Every structure is written in structure tokens, then in C-alpha cells.
PDB file of all heavy atoms in Angstrom:
ATOM      1  N   PHE A   1      -2.174   6.094  -9.249  1.00  0.00           N
ATOM      2  CA  PHE A   1      -2.011   4.651  -9.424  1.00  0.00           C
ATOM      3  C   PHE A   1      -3.292   3.884  -9.127  1.00  0.00           C
ATOM      4  O   PHE A   1      -3.418   2.724  -9.517  1.00  0.00           O
ATOM      5  CB  PHE A   1      -0.879   4.137  -8.519  1.00  0.00           C
ATOM      6  CG  PHE A   1       0.491   4.313  -9.111  1.00  0.00           C
ATOM      7  CD1 PHE A   1       0.870   5.513  -9.685  1.00  0.00           C
ATOM      8  CD2 PHE A   1       1.410   3.271  -9.094  1.00  0.00           C
ATOM      9  CE1 PHE A   1       2.129   5.686 -10.223  1.00  0.00           C
ATOM     10  CE2 PHE A   1       2.667   3.430  -9.637  1.00  0.00           C
ATOM     11  CZ  PHE A   1       3.039   4.643 -10.208  1.00  0.00           C
ATOM     12  N   THR A   2      -4.230   4.509  -8.417  1.00  0.00           N
ATOM     13  CA  THR A   2      -5.480   3.808  -8.116  1.00  0.00           C
ATOM     14  C   THR A   2      -6.319   3.597  -9.367  1.00  0.00           C
ATOM     15  O   THR A   2      -7.269   2.811  -9.348  1.00  0.00           O
ATOM     16  CB  THR A   2      -6.303   4.601  -7.090  1.00  0.00           C
ATOM     17  OG1 THR A   2      -6.647   5.886  -7.632  1.00  0.00           O
ATOM     18  CG2 THR A   2      -5.512   4.806  -5.799  1.00  0.00           C
ATOM     19  N   GLN A   3      -5.984   4.280 -10.476  1.00  0.00           N
ATOM     20  CA  GLN A   3      -6.763   4.175 -11.706  1.00  0.00           C
ATOM     21  C   GLN A   3      -6.241   3.103 -12.656  1.00  0.00           C
ATOM     22  O   GLN A   3      -6.820   2.877 -13.711  1.00  0.00           O
ATOM     23  CB  GLN A   3      -6.762   5.536 -12.434  1.00  0.00           C
ATOM     24  CG  GLN A   3      -7.071   6.734 -11.560  1.00  0.00           C
ATOM     25  CD  GLN A   3      -8.459   6.644 -10.955  1.00  0.00           C
ATOM     26  OE1 GLN A   3      -9.413   6.241 -11.618  1.00  0.00           O
ATOM     27  NE2 GLN A   3      -8.569   7.014  -9.682  1.00  0.00           N
ATOM     28  N   PHE A   4      -5.144   2.441 -12.296  1.00  0.00           N
ATOM     29  CA  PHE A   4      -4.499   1.518 -13.232  1.00  0.00           C
ATOM     30  C   PHE A   4      -4.991   0.091 -13.121  1.00  0.00           C
ATOM     31  O   PHE A   4      -4.529  -0.783 -13.857  1.00  0.00           O
ATOM     32  CB  PHE A   4      -2.979   1.535 -13.028  1.00  0.00           C
ATOM     33  CG  PHE A   4      -2.328   2.859 -13.349  1.00  0.00           C
ATOM     34  CD1 PHE A   4      -1.071   3.167 -12.850  1.00  0.00           C
ATOM     35  CD2 PHE A   4      -2.977   3.814 -14.130  1.00  0.00           C
ATOM     36  CE1 PHE A   4      -0.474   4.382 -13.135  1.00  0.00           C
ATOM     37  CE2 PHE A   4      -2.387   5.025 -14.415  1.00  0.00           C
ATOM     38  CZ  PHE A   4      -1.133   5.323 -13.920  1.00  0.00           C
ATOM     39  N   GLY A   5      -5.897  -0.170 -12.216  1.00  0.00           N
ATOM     40  CA  GLY A   5      -6.393  -1.533 -12.071  1.00  0.00           C
ATOM     41  C   GLY A   5      -5.380  -2.490 -11.488  1.00  0.00           C
ATOM     42  O   GLY A   5      -5.457  -3.700 -11.723  1.00  0.00           O
ATOM     43  N   LEU A   6      -4.420  -1.983 -10.741  1.00  0.00           N
ATOM     44  CA  LEU A   6      -3.388  -2.832 -10.144  1.00  0.00           C
ATOM     45  C   LEU A   6      -3.946  -3.578  -8.937  1.00  0.00           C
ATOM     46  O   LEU A   6      -4.900  -3.129  -8.294  1.00  0.00           O
ATOM     47  CB  LEU A   6      -2.198  -1.970  -9.698  1.00  0.00           C
ATOM     48  CG  LEU A   6      -1.464  -1.221 -10.809  1.00  0.00           C
ATOM     49  CD1 LEU A   6      -0.461  -0.236 -10.201  1.00  0.00           C
ATOM     50  CD2 LEU A   6      -0.744  -2.199 -11.723  1.00  0.00           C
ATOM     51  N   PRO A   7      -3.368  -4.745  -8.628  1.00  0.00           N
ATOM     52  CA  PRO A   7      -3.783  -5.437  -7.392  1.00  0.00           C
ATOM     53  C   PRO A   7      -3.565  -4.530  -6.191  1.00  0.00           C
ATOM     54  O   PRO A   7      -2.578  -3.807  -6.122  1.00  0.00           O
ATOM     55  CB  PRO A   7      -2.843  -6.652  -7.352  1.00  0.00           C
ATOM     56  CG  PRO A   7      -2.407  -6.855  -8.771  1.00  0.00           C
ATOM     57  CD  PRO A   7      -2.361  -5.500  -9.393  1.00  0.00           C
ATOM     58  N   ASN A   8      -4.489  -4.558  -5.253  1.00  0.00           N
ATOM     59  CA  ASN A   8      -4.427  -3.706  -4.072  1.00  0.00           C
ATOM     60  C   ASN A   8      -4.297  -2.225  -4.456  1.00  0.00           C
ATOM     61  O   ASN A   8      -3.636  -1.445  -3.760  1.00  0.00           O
ATOM     62  CB  ASN A   8      -3.242  -4.090  -3.183  1.00  0.00           C
ATOM     63  CG  ASN A   8      -3.323  -5.527  -2.689  1.00  0.00           C
ATOM     64  OD1 ASN A   8      -4.337  -5.927  -2.139  1.00  0.00           O
ATOM     65  ND2 ASN A   8      -2.273  -6.289  -2.921  1.00  0.00           N
ATOM     66  N   GLY A   9      -4.926  -1.853  -5.553  1.00  0.00           N
ATOM     67  CA  GLY A   9      -4.773  -0.502  -6.072  1.00  0.00           C
ATOM     68  C   GLY A   9      -5.182   0.575  -5.093  1.00  0.00           C
ATOM     69  O   GLY A   9      -4.583   1.656  -5.071  1.00  0.00           O
ATOM     70  N   ALA A  10      -6.186   0.289  -4.259  1.00  0.00           N
ATOM     71  CA  ALA A  10      -6.658   1.303  -3.318  1.00  0.00           C
ATOM     72  C   ALA A  10      -5.583   1.669  -2.301  1.00  0.00           C
ATOM     73  O   ALA A  10      -5.606   2.765  -1.720  1.00  0.00           O
ATOM     74  CB  ALA A  10      -7.908   0.810  -2.600  1.00  0.00           C
ATOM     75  N   LEU A  11      -4.605   0.785  -2.084  1.00  0.00           N
ATOM     76  CA  LEU A  11      -3.577   1.035  -1.080  1.00  0.00           C
ATOM     77  C   LEU A  11      -2.566   2.083  -1.522  1.00  0.00           C
ATOM     78  O   LEU A  11      -1.747   2.518  -0.714  1.00  0.00           O
ATOM     79  CB  LEU A  11      -2.847  -0.262  -0.737  1.00  0.00           C
ATOM     80  CG  LEU A  11      -3.707  -1.353  -0.099  1.00  0.00           C
ATOM     81  CD1 LEU A  11      -2.869  -2.576   0.203  1.00  0.00           C
ATOM     82  CD2 LEU A  11      -4.380  -0.844   1.171  1.00  0.00           C
ATOM     83  N   PHE A  12      -2.613   2.483  -2.793  1.00  0.00           N
ATOM     84  CA  PHE A  12      -1.710   3.535  -3.238  1.00  0.00           C
ATOM     85  C   PHE A  12      -2.154   4.916  -2.753  1.00  0.00           C
ATOM     86  O   PHE A  12      -1.425   5.891  -2.909  1.00  0.00           O
ATOM     87  CB  PHE A  12      -1.604   3.536  -4.763  1.00  0.00           C
ATOM     88  CG  PHE A  12      -0.804   2.391  -5.306  1.00  0.00           C
ATOM     89  CD1 PHE A  12      -1.429   1.262  -5.788  1.00  0.00           C
ATOM     90  CD2 PHE A  12       0.580   2.429  -5.288  1.00  0.00           C
ATOM     91  CE1 PHE A  12      -0.687   0.194  -6.273  1.00  0.00           C
ATOM     92  CE2 PHE A  12       1.326   1.370  -5.770  1.00  0.00           C
ATOM     93  CZ  PHE A  12       0.689   0.248  -6.264  1.00  0.00           C
ATOM     94  N   ASP A  13      -3.355   4.987  -2.183  1.00  0.00           N
ATOM     95  CA  ASP A  13      -3.833   6.259  -1.632  1.00  0.00           C
ATOM     96  C   ASP A  13      -4.602   5.985  -0.343  1.00  0.00           C
ATOM     97  O   ASP A  13      -5.700   6.476  -0.138  1.00  0.00           O
ATOM     98  CB  ASP A  13      -4.733   6.965  -2.650  1.00  0.00           C
ATOM     99  CG  ASP A  13      -5.072   8.393  -2.221  1.00  0.00           C
ATOM    100  OD1 ASP A  13      -4.293   8.977  -1.460  1.00  0.00           O
ATOM    101  OD2 ASP A  13      -6.136   8.896  -2.630  1.00  0.00           O
ATOM    102  N   GLU A  14      -3.997   5.200   0.533  1.00  0.00           N
ATOM    103  CA  GLU A  14      -4.682   4.832   1.765  1.00  0.00           C
ATOM    104  C   GLU A  14      -4.435   5.867   2.859  1.00  0.00           C
ATOM    105  O   GLU A  14      -3.489   6.656   2.809  1.00  0.00           O
ATOM    106  CB  GLU A  14      -4.212   3.467   2.255  1.00  0.00           C
ATOM    107  CG  GLU A  14      -2.770   3.442   2.734  1.00  0.00           C
ATOM    108  CD  GLU A  14      -2.383   2.112   3.346  1.00  0.00           C
ATOM    109  OE1 GLU A  14      -3.262   1.422   3.887  1.00  0.00           O
ATOM    110  OE2 GLU A  14      -1.184   1.762   3.282  1.00  0.00           O
ATOM    111  N   ASN A  15      -5.299   5.846   3.850  1.00  0.00           N
ATOM    112  CA  ASN A  15      -5.099   6.647   5.054  1.00  0.00           C
ATOM    113  C   ASN A  15      -3.951   6.028   5.830  1.00  0.00           C
ATOM    114  O   ASN A  15      -3.965   4.840   6.147  1.00  0.00           O
ATOM    115  CB  ASN A  15      -6.377   6.643   5.895  1.00  0.00           C
ATOM    116  CG  ASN A  15      -6.272   7.566   7.103  1.00  0.00           C
ATOM    117  OD1 ASN A  15      -5.219   7.712   7.709  1.00  0.00           O
ATOM    118  ND2 ASN A  15      -7.409   8.177   7.451  1.00  0.00           N
ATOM    119  N   VAL A  16      -2.930   6.829   6.127  1.00  0.00           N
ATOM    120  CA  VAL A  16      -1.739   6.281   6.782  1.00  0.00           C
ATOM    121  C   VAL A  16      -2.079   5.653   8.128  1.00  0.00           C
ATOM    122  O   VAL A  16      -1.399   4.730   8.594  1.00  0.00           O
ATOM    123  CB  VAL A  16      -0.669   7.377   6.937  1.00  0.00           C
ATOM    124  CG1 VAL A  16      -1.105   8.427   7.947  1.00  0.00           C
ATOM    125  CG2 VAL A  16       0.666   6.774   7.341  1.00  0.00           C
ATOM    126  N   ASN A  17      -3.157   6.108   8.769  1.00  0.00           N
ATOM    127  CA  ASN A  17      -3.547   5.545  10.051  1.00  0.00           C
ATOM    128  C   ASN A  17      -4.099   4.130   9.918  1.00  0.00           C
ATOM    129  O   ASN A  17      -4.208   3.411  10.913  1.00  0.00           O
ATOM    130  CB  ASN A  17      -4.588   6.443  10.735  1.00  0.00           C
ATOM    131  CG  ASN A  17      -4.028   7.808  11.075  1.00  0.00           C
ATOM    132  OD1 ASN A  17      -2.980   7.907  11.695  1.00  0.00           O
ATOM    133  ND2 ASN A  17      -4.719   8.852  10.651  1.00  0.00           N
ATOM    134  N   ASP A  18      -4.459   3.745   8.690  1.00  0.00           N
ATOM    135  CA  ASP A  18      -4.968   2.397   8.452  1.00  0.00           C
ATOM    136  C   ASP A  18      -3.904   1.469   7.894  1.00  0.00           C
ATOM    137  O   ASP A  18      -4.169   0.297   7.642  1.00  0.00           O
ATOM    138  CB  ASP A  18      -6.146   2.452   7.462  1.00  0.00           C
ATOM    139  CG  ASP A  18      -7.304   3.280   7.989  1.00  0.00           C
ATOM    140  OD1 ASP A  18      -7.493   3.293   9.226  1.00  0.00           O
ATOM    141  OD2 ASP A  18      -7.992   3.929   7.178  1.00  0.00           O
ATOM    142  N   HIS A  19      -2.697   1.983   7.698  1.00  0.00           N
ATOM    143  CA  HIS A  19      -1.636   1.204   7.064  1.00  0.00           C
ATOM    144  C   HIS A  19      -1.192   0.046   7.953  1.00  0.00           C
ATOM    145  O   HIS A  19      -0.962   0.222   9.154  1.00  0.00           O
ATOM    146  CB  HIS A  19      -0.447   2.109   6.758  1.00  0.00           C
ATOM    147  CG  HIS A  19       0.668   1.428   6.023  1.00  0.00           C
ATOM    148  ND1 HIS A  19       0.529   0.977   4.733  1.00  0.00           N
ATOM    149  CD2 HIS A  19       1.933   1.127   6.395  1.00  0.00           C
ATOM    150  CE1 HIS A  19       1.664   0.439   4.345  1.00  0.00           C
ATOM    151  NE2 HIS A  19       2.536   0.514   5.345  1.00  0.00           N
ATOM    152  N   GLN A  20      -1.084  -1.146   7.373  1.00  0.00           N
ATOM    153  CA  GLN A  20      -0.593  -2.314   8.094  1.00  0.00           C
ATOM    154  C   GLN A  20       0.920  -2.405   7.906  1.00  0.00           C
ATOM    155  O   GLN A  20       1.396  -2.716   6.825  1.00  0.00           O
ATOM    156  CB  GLN A  20      -1.281  -3.576   7.556  1.00  0.00           C
ATOM    157  CG  GLN A  20      -2.782  -3.600   7.763  1.00  0.00           C
ATOM    158  CD  GLN A  20      -3.153  -3.561   9.239  1.00  0.00           C
ATOM    159  OE1 GLN A  20      -2.623  -4.321  10.049  1.00  0.00           O
ATOM    160  NE2 GLN A  20      -4.083  -2.680   9.590  1.00  0.00           N
ATOM    161  N   PHE A  21       1.647  -2.109   8.952  1.00  0.00           N
ATOM    162  CA  PHE A  21       3.102  -2.040   8.844  1.00  0.00           C
ATOM    163  C   PHE A  21       3.714  -3.432   8.811  1.00  0.00           C
ATOM    164  O   PHE A  21       3.443  -4.274   9.662  1.00  0.00           O
ATOM    165  CB  PHE A  21       3.676  -1.230  10.008  1.00  0.00           C
ATOM    166  CG  PHE A  21       3.411   0.239   9.869  1.00  0.00           C
ATOM    167  CD1 PHE A  21       2.302   0.823  10.447  1.00  0.00           C
ATOM    168  CD2 PHE A  21       4.270   1.034   9.126  1.00  0.00           C
ATOM    169  CE1 PHE A  21       2.061   2.173  10.306  1.00  0.00           C
ATOM    170  CE2 PHE A  21       4.033   2.387   8.975  1.00  0.00           C
ATOM    171  CZ  PHE A  21       2.925   2.956   9.569  1.00  0.00           C
ATOM    172  N   THR A  22       4.542  -3.645   7.785  1.00  0.00           N
ATOM    173  CA  THR A  22       5.267  -4.902   7.617  1.00  0.00           C
ATOM    174  C   THR A  22       6.722  -4.559   7.346  1.00  0.00           C
ATOM    175  O   THR A  22       7.027  -3.817   6.419  1.00  0.00           O
ATOM    176  CB  THR A  22       4.702  -5.721   6.447  1.00  0.00           C
ATOM    177  OG1 THR A  22       3.308  -5.968   6.673  1.00  0.00           O
ATOM    178  CG2 THR A  22       5.433  -7.045   6.319  1.00  0.00           C
ATOM    179  N   PHE A  23       7.621  -5.093   8.136  1.00  0.00           N
ATOM    180  CA  PHE A  23       9.041  -4.807   7.993  1.00  0.00           C
ATOM    181  C   PHE A  23       9.706  -5.993   7.312  1.00  0.00           C
ATOM    182  O   PHE A  23       9.609  -7.129   7.794  1.00  0.00           O
ATOM    183  CB  PHE A  23       9.663  -4.532   9.362  1.00  0.00           C
ATOM    184  CG  PHE A  23       9.002  -3.400  10.094  1.00  0.00           C
ATOM    185  CD1 PHE A  23       8.007  -3.643  11.025  1.00  0.00           C
ATOM    186  CD2 PHE A  23       9.357  -2.091   9.822  1.00  0.00           C
ATOM    187  CE1 PHE A  23       7.391  -2.593  11.693  1.00  0.00           C
ATOM    188  CE2 PHE A  23       8.747  -1.035  10.479  1.00  0.00           C
ATOM    189  CZ  PHE A  23       7.758  -1.283  11.415  1.00  0.00           C
ATOM    190  N   GLU A  24      10.398  -5.744   6.203  1.00  0.00           N
ATOM    191  CA  GLU A  24      10.940  -6.854   5.419  1.00  0.00           C
ATOM    192  C   GLU A  24      12.228  -6.474   4.695  1.00  0.00           C
ATOM    193  O   GLU A  24      12.536  -7.006   3.641  1.00  0.00           O
ATOM    194  CB  GLU A  24       9.895  -7.343   4.414  1.00  0.00           C
ATOM    195  CG  GLU A  24       9.346  -6.237   3.506  1.00  0.00           C
ATOM    196  CD  GLU A  24       8.278  -6.748   2.555  1.00  0.00           C
ATOM    197  OE1 GLU A  24       7.964  -7.938   2.586  1.00  0.00           O
ATOM    198  OE2 GLU A  24       7.771  -5.925   1.772  1.00  0.00           O
ATOM    199  N   ASN A  25      13.008  -5.565   5.241  1.00  0.00           N
ATOM    200  CA  ASN A  25      14.269  -5.202   4.601  1.00  0.00           C
ATOM    201  C   ASN A  25      15.281  -6.340   4.756  1.00  0.00           C
ATOM    202  O   ASN A  25      15.218  -7.139   5.692  1.00  0.00           O
ATOM    203  CB  ASN A  25      14.830  -3.913   5.212  1.00  0.00           C
ATOM    204  CG  ASN A  25      14.783  -3.915   6.728  1.00  0.00           C
ATOM    205  OD1 ASN A  25      13.696  -3.844   7.308  1.00  0.00           O
ATOM    206  ND2 ASN A  25      15.937  -4.012   7.362  1.00  0.00           N
ATOM    207  N   ASN A  26      16.231  -6.404   3.823  1.00  0.00           N
ATOM    208  CA  ASN A  26      17.202  -7.510   3.828  1.00  0.00           C
ATOM    209  C   ASN A  26      18.492  -7.173   4.561  1.00  0.00           C
ATOM    210  O   ASN A  26      19.421  -7.974   4.587  1.00  0.00           O
ATOM    211  CB  ASN A  26      17.536  -7.925   2.389  1.00  0.00           C
ATOM    212  CG  ASN A  26      18.331  -6.862   1.650  1.00  0.00           C
ATOM    213  OD1 ASN A  26      18.051  -5.668   1.787  1.00  0.00           O
ATOM    214  ND2 ASN A  26      19.306  -7.273   0.855  1.00  0.00           N
ATOM    215  N   ILE A  27      18.566  -5.976   5.171  1.00  0.00           N
ATOM    216  CA  ILE A  27      19.738  -5.554   5.934  1.00  0.00           C
ATOM    217  C   ILE A  27      19.356  -5.450   7.404  1.00  0.00           C
ATOM    218  O   ILE A  27      18.331  -4.855   7.752  1.00  0.00           O
ATOM    219  CB  ILE A  27      20.263  -4.188   5.446  1.00  0.00           C
ATOM    220  CG1 ILE A  27      20.690  -4.271   3.978  1.00  0.00           C
ATOM    221  CG2 ILE A  27      21.419  -3.712   6.318  1.00  0.00           C
ATOM    222  CD1 ILE A  27      21.922  -5.122   3.733  1.00  0.00           C
TER     223      ILE A  27
END
């Protein structure tokens, strides 16, 4: 997915240790 030119495309193959956790479930 990093090759598709999508917004934030680099985040489709990010280092999990750099992931910014955001919780947003509706339940």
C-alpha cells in the first residue's frame, strides 16, 4: 500500500514501536 500514493502511505508499513495509538471504537 505504500506504493499507491495514499495519504499517510508510509504508515502502512511503519515500525510498530513508533505507532501512535488512538482508541476510537464506537462500543
